[in-house]
Amino acid sequence: MTSRQMVLGMQFSGGYGAAPGAWRLPGANLNSYTDMDQFVRYAQAAERGKIQLLFIADTPVLDVDLDHHSPHHMKSASAST
């Protein structure tokens, strides 16, 4: 009998976490959205936590003023609204 295993994965959806207003928290680094060194640190932390898969969307876009809006991933042209 083959033993079943679970593969743990994590998606990077921005530099601030999943909470919509996290970018406004005191001490939030507004540059972390585009800071590849920050993503390396996230990956290292994930590795320590035994995460086996990291996913980064290939369509990140920074088309807003970070002083007033959080960054987001652009919807594709074929995505329904």
N, C-alpha and C. Protein backbone atom coordinates (compact mmCIF):
# COMPACT_ATOMS: atom_id res chain seq x y z
N MET A 1 0.85 -1.18 0.00
CA MET A 1 0.00 0.00 0.00
C MET A 1 0.89 1.24 0.00
N THR A 2 0.54 2.22 -0.80
CA THR A 2 1.28 3.47 -0.87
C THR A 2 0.82 4.41 0.24
N SER A 3 1.76 5.00 0.94
CA SER A 3 1.37 5.96 1.98
C SER A 3 1.00 7.29 1.33
N ARG A 4 -0.02 7.91 1.85
CA ARG A 4 -0.48 9.19 1.31
C ARG A 4 0.25 10.31 2.02
N GLN A 5 0.61 11.33 1.27
CA GLN A 5 1.28 12.49 1.85
C GLN A 5 0.57 13.76 1.42
N MET A 6 0.64 14.74 2.27
CA MET A 6 0.07 16.04 1.97
C MET A 6 1.20 16.97 1.53
N VAL A 7 0.97 17.71 0.46
CA VAL A 7 1.92 18.71 -0.01
C VAL A 7 1.40 20.07 0.45
N LEU A 8 2.22 20.80 1.18
CA LEU A 8 1.83 22.12 1.67
C LEU A 8 2.32 23.19 0.71
N GLY A 9 1.46 24.11 0.37
CA GLY A 9 1.81 25.19 -0.53
C GLY A 9 1.39 26.54 0.02
N MET A 10 1.96 27.58 -0.54
CA MET A 10 1.65 28.93 -0.09
C MET A 10 1.65 29.86 -1.31
N GLN A 11 0.69 30.75 -1.36
CA GLN A 11 0.60 31.72 -2.44
C GLN A 11 1.02 33.09 -1.94
N PHE A 12 1.90 33.73 -2.68
CA PHE A 12 2.25 35.12 -2.40
C PHE A 12 1.27 35.99 -3.16
N SER A 13 0.48 36.75 -2.44
CA SER A 13 -0.49 37.62 -3.12
C SER A 13 -0.14 39.08 -2.95
N GLY A 14 0.96 39.36 -2.38
CA GLY A 14 1.39 40.74 -2.15
C GLY A 14 2.41 40.75 -1.03
N GLY A 15 2.92 41.89 -0.75
CA GLY A 15 3.96 41.98 0.26
C GLY A 15 3.46 42.22 1.66
N TYR A 16 2.15 42.19 1.88
CA TYR A 16 1.62 42.58 3.18
C TYR A 16 0.77 41.53 3.85
N GLY A 17 0.46 40.45 3.20
CA GLY A 17 -0.44 39.45 3.76
C GLY A 17 -1.82 39.53 3.12
N ALA A 18 -2.72 38.71 3.60
CA ALA A 18 -4.04 38.60 2.97
C ALA A 18 -5.05 39.64 3.47
N ALA A 19 -4.80 40.26 4.60
CA ALA A 19 -5.74 41.24 5.13
C ALA A 19 -5.74 42.49 4.24
N PRO A 20 -6.90 42.91 3.75
CA PRO A 20 -6.96 44.04 2.82
C PRO A 20 -6.30 45.32 3.32
N GLY A 21 -6.38 45.59 4.60
CA GLY A 21 -5.82 46.84 5.11
C GLY A 21 -4.44 46.71 5.73
N ALA A 22 -3.80 45.55 5.55
CA ALA A 22 -2.50 45.31 6.20
C ALA A 22 -1.44 46.32 5.77
N TRP A 23 -1.55 46.82 4.57
CA TRP A 23 -0.55 47.78 4.07
C TRP A 23 -0.60 49.09 4.84
N ARG A 24 -1.70 49.34 5.57
CA ARG A 24 -1.81 50.58 6.34
C ARG A 24 -1.38 50.43 7.81
N LEU A 25 -1.02 49.23 8.21
CA LEU A 25 -0.64 49.01 9.61
C LEU A 25 0.66 49.75 9.94
N PRO A 26 0.77 50.22 11.17
CA PRO A 26 2.03 50.88 11.57
C PRO A 26 3.20 49.92 11.38
N GLY A 27 4.25 50.42 10.80
CA GLY A 27 5.44 49.61 10.58
C GLY A 27 5.42 48.81 9.29
N ALA A 28 4.31 48.85 8.54
CA ALA A 28 4.27 48.13 7.26
C ALA A 28 5.26 48.78 6.29
N ASN A 29 6.04 47.96 5.64
CA ASN A 29 7.01 48.45 4.67
C ASN A 29 6.34 48.52 3.30
N LEU A 30 6.05 49.72 2.82
CA LEU A 30 5.36 49.87 1.55
C LEU A 30 6.17 49.38 0.37
N ASN A 31 7.46 49.20 0.55
CA ASN A 31 8.30 48.69 -0.53
C ASN A 31 8.31 47.17 -0.59
N SER A 32 7.74 46.49 0.39
CA SER A 32 7.81 45.03 0.42
C SER A 32 7.05 44.39 -0.72
N TYR A 33 6.12 45.11 -1.35
CA TYR A 33 5.35 44.55 -2.47
C TYR A 33 6.25 44.25 -3.66
N THR A 34 7.31 45.04 -3.83
CA THR A 34 8.20 44.85 -4.97
C THR A 34 9.63 44.50 -4.54
N ASP A 35 9.84 44.23 -3.29
CA ASP A 35 11.18 43.94 -2.76
C ASP A 35 11.46 42.44 -2.84
N MET A 36 12.30 42.04 -3.79
CA MET A 36 12.58 40.62 -3.96
C MET A 36 13.31 40.03 -2.76
N ASP A 37 14.10 40.83 -2.06
CA ASP A 37 14.75 40.33 -0.84
C ASP A 37 13.70 39.95 0.21
N GLN A 38 12.59 40.69 0.26
CA GLN A 38 11.50 40.35 1.19
C GLN A 38 10.89 39.01 0.80
N PHE A 39 10.69 38.78 -0.50
CA PHE A 39 10.14 37.51 -0.95
C PHE A 39 11.09 36.35 -0.62
N VAL A 40 12.40 36.60 -0.70
CA VAL A 40 13.38 35.57 -0.30
C VAL A 40 13.21 35.25 1.17
N ARG A 41 13.04 36.27 2.01
CA ARG A 41 12.84 36.02 3.44
C ARG A 41 11.54 35.25 3.68
N TYR A 42 10.47 35.57 2.94
CA TYR A 42 9.22 34.81 3.06
C TYR A 42 9.46 33.36 2.67
N ALA A 43 10.19 33.14 1.58
CA ALA A 43 10.47 31.78 1.11
C ALA A 43 11.30 31.01 2.13
N GLN A 44 12.25 31.67 2.75
CA GLN A 44 13.07 31.01 3.77
C GLN A 44 12.22 30.63 4.98
N ALA A 45 11.31 31.51 5.36
CA ALA A 45 10.41 31.19 6.48
C ALA A 45 9.49 30.03 6.11
N ALA A 46 9.00 30.02 4.87
CA ALA A 46 8.15 28.93 4.41
C ALA A 46 8.92 27.60 4.42
N GLU A 47 10.17 27.65 4.00
CA GLU A 47 10.99 26.45 4.00
C GLU A 47 11.18 25.91 5.42
N ARG A 48 11.42 26.81 6.36
CA ARG A 48 11.55 26.38 7.76
C ARG A 48 10.25 25.73 8.25
N GLY A 49 9.12 26.19 7.72
CA GLY A 49 7.82 25.63 8.10
C GLY A 49 7.41 24.42 7.27
N LYS A 50 8.34 23.90 6.47
CA LYS A 50 8.11 22.69 5.66
C LYS A 50 7.13 22.91 4.51
N ILE A 51 6.95 24.17 4.09
CA ILE A 51 6.13 24.45 2.90
C ILE A 51 6.92 23.95 1.70
N GLN A 52 6.25 23.20 0.82
CA GLN A 52 6.94 22.58 -0.31
C GLN A 52 6.70 23.28 -1.64
N LEU A 53 5.77 24.21 -1.68
CA LEU A 53 5.41 24.85 -2.94
C LEU A 53 5.11 26.31 -2.68
N LEU A 54 5.70 27.19 -3.46
CA LEU A 54 5.41 28.62 -3.40
C LEU A 54 4.85 29.05 -4.75
N PHE A 55 3.81 29.86 -4.73
CA PHE A 55 3.20 30.33 -5.97
C PHE A 55 3.19 31.85 -5.97
N ILE A 56 3.69 32.43 -7.03
CA ILE A 56 3.62 33.87 -7.24
C ILE A 56 2.94 34.09 -8.57
N ALA A 57 1.83 34.82 -8.57
CA ALA A 57 1.11 35.09 -9.82
C ALA A 57 2.03 35.82 -10.80
N ASP A 58 1.89 35.52 -12.06
CA ASP A 58 2.76 36.14 -13.05
C ASP A 58 2.20 37.45 -13.60
N THR A 59 1.18 37.99 -12.95
CA THR A 59 0.61 39.25 -13.41
C THR A 59 0.53 40.30 -12.31
N PRO A 60 1.54 40.42 -11.47
CA PRO A 60 1.44 41.48 -10.46
C PRO A 60 1.49 42.85 -11.15
N VAL A 61 0.75 43.77 -10.61
CA VAL A 61 0.72 45.10 -11.19
C VAL A 61 0.69 46.12 -10.06
N LEU A 62 1.39 47.18 -10.25
CA LEU A 62 1.37 48.26 -9.28
C LEU A 62 0.90 49.50 -10.02
N ASP A 63 -0.41 49.67 -10.07
CA ASP A 63 -0.98 50.77 -10.84
C ASP A 63 -1.77 51.74 -9.96
N VAL A 64 -1.50 51.71 -8.67
CA VAL A 64 -2.19 52.61 -7.75
C VAL A 64 -1.16 53.37 -6.91
N ASP A 65 -1.59 54.44 -6.32
CA ASP A 65 -0.76 55.22 -5.41
C ASP A 65 -0.81 54.55 -4.04
N LEU A 66 0.31 54.01 -3.59
CA LEU A 66 0.33 53.25 -2.35
C LEU A 66 0.03 54.10 -1.11
N ASP A 67 0.05 55.42 -1.26
CA ASP A 67 -0.34 56.27 -0.13
C ASP A 67 -1.84 56.21 0.12
N HIS A 68 -2.61 55.78 -0.90
CA HIS A 68 -4.06 55.80 -0.77
C HIS A 68 -4.75 54.47 -1.05
N HIS A 69 -4.07 53.53 -1.72
CA HIS A 69 -4.70 52.26 -2.10
C HIS A 69 -3.72 51.12 -1.89
N SER A 70 -4.26 49.95 -1.61
CA SER A 70 -3.39 48.78 -1.48
C SER A 70 -3.08 48.23 -2.87
N PRO A 71 -1.92 47.59 -3.03
CA PRO A 71 -1.60 46.96 -4.31
C PRO A 71 -2.50 45.77 -4.53
N HIS A 72 -2.64 45.37 -5.77
CA HIS A 72 -3.51 44.25 -6.10
C HIS A 72 -2.99 43.56 -7.35
N HIS A 73 -3.54 42.39 -7.62
CA HIS A 73 -3.20 41.69 -8.86
C HIS A 73 -4.25 42.03 -9.89
N MET A 74 -3.79 42.37 -11.08
CA MET A 74 -4.68 42.78 -12.15
C MET A 74 -5.49 41.60 -12.64
N LYS A 75 -6.76 41.83 -12.91
CA LYS A 75 -7.59 40.79 -13.50
C LYS A 75 -7.21 40.67 -14.96
N SER A 76 -7.24 39.45 -15.47
CA SER A 76 -6.93 39.27 -16.89
C SER A 76 -8.10 39.78 -17.72
N ALA A 77 -7.84 40.06 -18.98
CA ALA A 77 -8.87 40.60 -19.86
C ALA A 77 -10.02 39.62 -20.01
N SER A 78 -9.74 38.33 -19.87
CA SER A 78 -10.80 37.33 -20.05
C SER A 78 -11.58 37.06 -18.77
N ALA A 79 -11.14 37.62 -17.67
CA ALA A 79 -11.83 37.39 -16.39
C ALA A 79 -13.19 38.07 -16.40
N SER A 80 -14.17 37.40 -15.84
CA SER A 80 -15.49 38.02 -15.78
C SER A 80 -15.51 39.06 -14.66
N THR A 81 -16.33 40.07 -14.84
CA THR A 81 -16.44 41.13 -13.83
C THR A 81 -17.72 41.00 -13.05
